[in-house]
Amino acid sequence: MSATSILKREWLAKLALTFSYSVHGTQLARTQRVGPLTIQKAFYPEGRDCAHVYLLHPPAGIVSGDTLHVDVNLEPKAHVLVTTPGANRFYRAREDASIGTPVQKQITHVYLPSEAKCEHFPLETIVYEGAEGVNQVVVNLAADSTYLGWDITCLGLPSAAQLFLSGTFSQLNQVYCDNKLIFHDRIKVSPEPCKGNEQVQQHVVGLAGNSVFATLLAYASAELVNQKTQTELIQQLRETITQQNLQNQVSVTHINQLIIVRYLGHHAEQCKQIFILLWQQLRPLYMQKQGIVPRIWHT
């Protein structure tokens, strides 16, 4: 094999997890993996009815040519909380296209059938200068399932004077309910000038010069969270945001049964802290559990 062939190799990784439910609670029924993506095992800090799993990627980052696929499949009534032990990273892409594609991808699918519950909380994604990153999260719900999830994106490392001044990054979030698209949100950031137009990263109706953007989604059926309860809940979330003096960084809206919280600012830690506070308000109603922060987030 030539050196060029070796350099052109792409690192394709896939992890598919299936969770079942029985009288013994939620169990990790099946794991399929290719490449470095893995988990240790399911943990049960809250009891057997809710499995906690930590997605592990030993390389600790995504480089040119990498494509990571994560599929989380729940069976009816199963409840799982999925998170990561640390930040995900899209590193600087290779500049020599002759040795392979510079694009770096991470694609996550979550499947929730009837009465299933999923909480999907990966820690922040850091996009390094010169990256060519693509991140997608697609959630497929049943009308009577329940979902809480977030994504947090950091463009560059401003605190270390490492700004995101070149490259591209696109984020796609989609939510389907009974195979009907109910939420589609896509942003593509490229800080380099294009035909003299101000880019999304700097534009006042885009990121307005901010380096951190994030979305928290909460879905529950109308039987679990009716219109009156949802209205009261949104008001409570807004009051919490105001109490934290973050009304200029965080907004709350809804599309029918889907509550959408957005953060736009400069601090990933600030974003995580307010999202955790909001999750702690949402979780007792949506998951019938208190919002006890997973221990892994403290390490």
Protein backbone atom coordinates (compact mmCIF):
# COMPACT_ATOMS: atom_id res chain seq x y z
CA MET A 1 0.00 0.00 0.00
CA SER A 2 1.39 3.39 -0.98
CA ALA A 3 1.87 6.24 1.49
CA THR A 4 -0.74 8.25 -0.43
CA SER A 5 -3.32 5.48 0.00
CA ILE A 6 -2.65 5.37 3.72
CA LEU A 7 -3.04 9.12 4.02
CA LYS A 8 -6.36 9.01 2.15
CA ARG A 9 -7.88 6.60 4.63
CA GLU A 10 -10.94 7.94 6.38
CA TRP A 11 -11.75 7.08 9.98
CA LEU A 12 -15.36 5.97 9.93
CA ALA A 13 -16.79 5.24 13.36
CA LYS A 14 -20.26 4.08 14.30
CA LEU A 15 -21.95 3.32 17.59
CA ALA A 16 -25.51 2.00 17.75
CA LEU A 17 -27.14 1.52 21.15
CA THR A 18 -30.48 -0.18 21.79
CA PHE A 19 -32.28 0.12 25.13
CA SER A 20 -35.12 -2.15 26.21
CA TYR A 21 -37.52 -1.99 29.14
CA SER A 22 -38.85 -4.76 31.37
CA VAL A 23 -39.88 -5.35 34.98
CA HIS A 24 -36.18 -5.03 35.77
CA GLY A 25 -36.06 -1.48 34.36
CA THR A 26 -34.20 -0.02 31.39
CA GLN A 27 -31.38 -2.17 30.06
CA LEU A 28 -28.71 -1.71 27.41
CA ALA A 29 -29.92 -4.56 25.21
CA ARG A 30 -27.54 -4.29 22.29
CA THR A 31 -24.36 -2.45 21.29
CA GLN A 32 -22.96 -2.32 17.77
CA ARG A 33 -19.72 -0.48 17.19
CA VAL A 34 -17.19 0.20 14.47
CA GLY A 35 -14.05 2.22 15.13
CA PRO A 36 -13.19 4.10 18.33
CA LEU A 37 -16.65 5.16 19.48
CA THR A 38 -17.73 3.21 22.55
CA ILE A 39 -19.27 3.24 26.02
CA GLN A 40 -18.19 1.52 29.23
CA LYS A 41 -21.58 0.27 30.40
CA ALA A 42 -24.92 1.60 31.56
CA PHE A 43 -24.97 3.22 35.00
CA TYR A 44 -27.96 3.52 37.34
CA PRO A 45 -27.40 6.39 39.79
CA GLU A 46 -31.18 7.02 39.97
CA GLY A 47 -32.42 3.45 40.02
CA ARG A 48 -32.99 0.78 37.39
CA ASP A 49 -35.70 2.65 35.50
CA CYS A 50 -33.25 5.22 34.02
CA ALA A 51 -29.97 4.18 32.41
CA HIS A 52 -27.10 6.69 32.17
CA VAL A 53 -24.54 6.17 29.41
CA TYR A 54 -21.39 8.14 28.61
CA LEU A 55 -20.28 8.28 24.99
CA LEU A 56 -16.52 7.81 24.73
CA HIS A 57 -14.32 8.83 21.78
CA PRO A 58 -10.69 8.13 22.77
CA PRO A 59 -9.16 10.29 20.00
CA ALA A 60 -10.97 13.21 21.74
CA GLY A 61 -11.59 15.04 18.51
CA ILE A 62 -12.67 14.83 14.88
CA VAL A 63 -10.15 15.42 12.09
CA SER A 64 -10.39 15.60 8.30
CA GLY A 65 -12.07 12.59 6.74
CA ASP A 66 -13.63 11.40 10.01
CA THR A 67 -17.33 10.57 10.07
CA LEU A 68 -18.86 9.61 13.43
CA HIS A 69 -22.34 8.09 13.53
CA VAL A 70 -24.21 7.67 16.83
CA ASP A 71 -27.61 5.94 16.88
CA VAL A 72 -29.61 5.81 20.11
CA ASN A 73 -32.58 3.45 19.78
CA LEU A 74 -35.12 3.09 22.57
CA GLU A 75 -37.80 0.48 22.88
CA PRO A 76 -41.22 1.39 24.37
CA LYS A 77 -41.10 2.75 27.97
CA ALA A 78 -37.29 2.77 28.14
CA HIS A 79 -35.61 5.83 29.71
CA VAL A 80 -32.00 6.79 29.02
CA LEU A 81 -29.78 9.79 29.75
CA VAL A 82 -26.91 10.12 27.26
CA THR A 83 -23.99 12.47 27.87
CA THR A 84 -20.22 12.75 27.34
CA PRO A 85 -17.31 13.02 29.80
CA GLY A 86 -15.82 16.04 28.03
CA ALA A 87 -16.04 18.47 25.14
CA ASN A 88 -16.13 17.29 21.56
CA ARG A 89 -13.65 18.93 19.19
CA PHE A 90 -13.53 19.62 15.47
CA TYR A 91 -9.83 20.18 14.85
CA ARG A 92 -8.24 22.20 12.05
CA ALA A 93 -8.88 20.53 8.70
CA ARG A 94 -6.12 19.38 6.38
CA GLU A 95 -5.31 21.91 3.67
CA ASP A 96 -4.04 19.48 1.02
CA ALA A 97 -7.15 18.16 -0.73
CA SER A 98 -5.05 15.70 -2.73
CA ILE A 99 -4.74 13.43 0.32
CA GLY A 100 -8.44 13.25 1.10
CA THR A 101 -11.54 15.23 1.96
CA PRO A 102 -11.13 17.94 4.59
CA VAL A 103 -14.72 17.54 5.83
CA GLN A 104 -15.30 16.31 9.40
CA LYS A 105 -18.73 14.97 10.36
CA GLN A 106 -20.68 13.88 13.40
CA ILE A 107 -24.21 12.58 12.88
CA THR A 108 -26.51 11.59 15.75
CA HIS A 109 -29.92 9.93 15.43
CA VAL A 110 -32.28 9.35 18.36
CA TYR A 111 -35.33 7.09 17.97
CA LEU A 112 -38.13 7.17 20.56
CA PRO A 113 -41.16 4.90 20.20
CA SER A 114 -44.30 5.01 22.33
CA GLU A 115 -43.77 6.10 25.97
CA ALA A 116 -39.98 6.15 25.64
CA LYS A 117 -37.94 8.89 27.33
CA CYS A 118 -34.57 10.24 26.27
CA GLU A 119 -32.31 12.94 27.67
CA HIS A 120 -29.47 13.81 25.31
CA PHE A 121 -26.86 16.15 26.80
CA PRO A 122 -23.46 16.06 25.08
CA LEU A 123 -21.04 18.58 26.52
CA GLU A 124 -19.95 21.49 24.34
CA THR A 125 -18.57 21.15 20.81
CA ILE A 126 -15.45 23.24 20.18
CA VAL A 127 -14.79 24.22 16.57
CA TYR A 128 -11.13 25.06 16.03
CA GLU A 129 -9.73 27.61 13.62
CA GLY A 130 -9.69 26.18 10.08
CA ALA A 131 -12.10 23.30 10.79
CA GLU A 132 -14.51 22.03 8.13
CA GLY A 133 -17.11 20.63 10.52
CA VAL A 134 -20.61 19.24 10.08
CA ASN A 135 -22.73 18.33 13.12
CA GLN A 136 -26.23 16.90 12.81
CA VAL A 137 -28.75 15.80 15.44
CA VAL A 138 -31.98 14.18 14.23
CA VAL A 139 -34.63 13.12 16.75
CA ASN A 140 -37.53 10.85 15.76
CA LEU A 141 -40.35 10.96 18.31
CA ALA A 142 -43.59 9.15 18.87
CA ALA A 143 -46.38 11.52 19.88
CA ASP A 144 -46.46 10.08 23.42
CA SER A 145 -42.69 9.90 23.94
CA THR A 146 -40.65 12.49 25.88
CA TYR A 147 -37.38 14.20 24.97
CA LEU A 148 -35.00 16.68 26.57
CA GLY A 149 -31.79 17.56 24.76
CA TRP A 150 -29.27 20.27 23.99
CA ASP A 151 -26.33 21.13 21.79
CA ILE A 152 -23.74 23.79 22.62
CA THR A 153 -21.30 25.07 19.99
CA CYS A 154 -18.17 27.14 20.66
CA LEU A 155 -16.47 28.79 17.68
CA GLY A 156 -12.77 28.88 18.48
CA LEU A 157 -11.25 29.51 21.90
CA PRO A 158 -11.58 33.28 22.44
CA SER A 159 -10.33 33.07 26.03
CA ALA A 160 -7.06 31.68 24.64
CA ALA A 161 -7.00 34.24 21.81
CA GLN A 162 -7.71 31.45 19.29
CA LEU A 163 -10.53 32.92 17.21
CA PHE A 164 -12.52 31.14 14.51
CA LEU A 165 -11.29 33.19 11.55
CA SER A 166 -11.32 30.60 8.77
CA GLY A 167 -13.03 27.35 7.87
CA THR A 168 -16.71 26.39 7.98
CA PHE A 169 -19.09 24.81 10.43
CA SER A 170 -22.69 23.76 9.93
CA GLN A 171 -25.15 22.64 12.61
CA LEU A 172 -28.44 20.92 11.77
CA ASN A 173 -31.14 20.06 14.31
CA GLN A 174 -34.28 18.24 13.23
CA VAL A 175 -37.18 16.81 15.22
CA TYR A 176 -39.79 14.51 13.71
CA CYS A 177 -42.98 13.49 15.48
CA ASP A 178 -44.74 10.44 14.06
CA ASN A 179 -42.60 10.93 10.93
CA LYS A 180 -43.73 14.55 10.51
CA LEU A 181 -41.04 17.25 10.62
CA ILE A 182 -41.89 19.66 13.47
CA PHE A 183 -38.55 21.44 13.90
CA HIS A 184 -35.78 22.22 11.41
CA ASP A 185 -32.93 24.50 12.38
CA ARG A 186 -29.75 24.86 10.33
CA ILE A 187 -26.89 27.31 10.54
CA LYS A 188 -23.72 27.43 8.45
CA VAL A 189 -20.91 29.64 9.68
CA SER A 190 -18.02 30.71 7.48
CA PRO A 191 -16.11 33.74 8.77
CA GLU A 192 -14.31 34.39 5.48
CA PRO A 193 -15.74 37.16 3.22
CA CYS A 194 -18.08 36.10 0.42
CA LYS A 195 -18.94 38.59 -2.33
CA GLY A 196 -18.50 41.44 0.10
CA ASN A 197 -21.41 40.35 2.31
CA GLU A 198 -21.18 40.38 6.07
CA GLN A 199 -21.13 36.80 7.30
CA VAL A 200 -23.59 35.04 9.63
CA GLN A 201 -21.04 35.10 12.43
CA GLN A 202 -20.93 38.91 12.47
CA HIS A 203 -24.33 39.87 11.08
CA VAL A 204 -26.77 41.46 13.52
CA VAL A 205 -29.49 38.95 12.53
CA GLY A 206 -26.98 36.10 12.74
CA LEU A 207 -24.59 35.46 15.62
CA ALA A 208 -23.88 39.20 16.02
CA GLY A 209 -20.21 38.57 16.79
CA ASN A 210 -20.89 35.97 19.48
CA SER A 211 -18.78 32.82 19.65
CA VAL A 212 -21.16 30.46 21.52
CA PHE A 213 -24.60 29.42 20.31
CA ALA A 214 -26.79 26.68 21.72
CA THR A 215 -30.27 25.16 21.69
CA LEU A 216 -32.19 23.24 24.36
CA LEU A 217 -35.27 21.29 23.23
CA ALA A 218 -38.06 19.86 25.38
CA TYR A 219 -40.90 17.75 24.02
CA ALA A 220 -43.78 16.05 25.81
CA SER A 221 -47.25 15.00 24.77
CA ALA A 222 -50.27 17.23 25.37
CA GLU A 223 -51.54 14.62 27.83
CA LEU A 224 -48.44 15.10 29.96
CA VAL A 225 -47.98 18.86 29.44
CA ASN A 226 -51.19 20.56 28.41
CA GLN A 227 -51.39 24.09 27.02
CA LYS A 228 -52.08 25.72 30.38
CA THR A 229 -49.19 23.89 32.06
CA GLN A 230 -46.86 24.69 29.17
CA THR A 231 -47.70 28.41 29.34
CA GLU A 232 -47.02 28.47 33.08
CA LEU A 233 -43.80 26.51 32.61
CA ILE A 234 -42.48 28.87 29.94
CA GLN A 235 -43.17 31.80 32.25
CA GLN A 236 -41.22 30.05 35.03
CA LEU A 237 -38.30 29.41 32.68
CA ARG A 238 -38.26 33.07 31.67
CA GLU A 239 -38.30 34.14 35.30
CA THR A 240 -35.27 31.93 35.99
CA ILE A 241 -33.45 33.46 33.03
CA THR A 242 -34.22 36.95 34.32
CA GLN A 243 -33.09 36.05 37.84
CA GLN A 244 -29.75 34.99 36.36
CA ASN A 245 -29.61 38.30 34.44
CA LEU A 246 -29.36 36.42 31.14
CA GLN A 247 -32.43 37.76 29.37
CA ASN A 248 -30.15 39.29 26.70
CA GLN A 249 -28.47 35.95 26.02
CA VAL A 250 -31.32 33.42 26.40
CA SER A 251 -34.79 33.21 24.86
CA VAL A 252 -37.67 30.76 25.19
CA THR A 253 -40.23 29.99 22.49
CA HIS A 254 -42.39 27.01 21.57
CA ILE A 255 -43.82 25.23 18.54
CA ASN A 256 -46.90 23.37 19.74
CA GLN A 257 -45.53 20.78 22.21
CA LEU A 258 -41.86 21.57 21.58
CA ILE A 259 -40.22 24.15 23.87
CA ILE A 260 -37.13 25.78 22.34
CA VAL A 261 -34.53 27.58 24.44
CA ARG A 262 -31.69 29.42 22.69
CA TYR A 263 -28.44 30.83 24.04
CA LEU A 264 -26.25 33.33 22.20
CA GLY A 265 -23.20 34.69 23.97
CA HIS A 266 -19.49 34.20 24.59
CA HIS A 267 -19.26 31.70 27.46
CA ALA A 268 -19.88 27.95 27.19
CA GLU A 269 -19.81 27.52 30.95
CA GLN A 270 -22.41 30.25 31.39
CA CYS A 271 -24.58 28.50 28.81
CA LYS A 272 -24.24 25.12 30.51
CA GLN A 273 -25.13 26.53 33.90
CA ILE A 274 -28.34 28.19 32.72
CA PHE A 275 -29.32 25.13 30.67
CA ILE A 276 -28.82 22.94 33.75
CA LEU A 277 -31.03 25.25 35.82
CA LEU A 278 -33.74 25.10 33.16
CA TRP A 279 -33.40 21.31 32.85
CA GLN A 280 -33.86 21.04 36.62
CA GLN A 281 -37.18 22.87 36.23
CA LEU A 282 -38.28 20.81 33.24
CA ARG A 283 -37.25 17.35 34.40
CA PRO A 284 -39.69 16.76 37.29
CA LEU A 285 -42.62 17.36 34.95
CA TYR A 286 -41.22 15.72 31.82
CA MET A 287 -39.36 12.78 33.36
CA GLN A 288 -40.91 12.53 36.85
CA LYS A 289 -37.42 12.78 38.33
CA GLN A 290 -35.46 15.46 40.12
CA GLY A 291 -32.71 17.20 38.18
CA ILE A 292 -29.69 15.69 39.92
CA VAL A 293 -26.60 16.65 37.92
CA PRO A 294 -24.72 13.58 36.59
CA ARG A 295 -21.50 13.03 38.51
CA ILE A 296 -19.49 12.87 35.28
CA TRP A 297 -20.12 16.60 34.72
CA HIS A 298 -18.10 17.35 37.86
CA THR A 299 -14.97 15.48 36.74
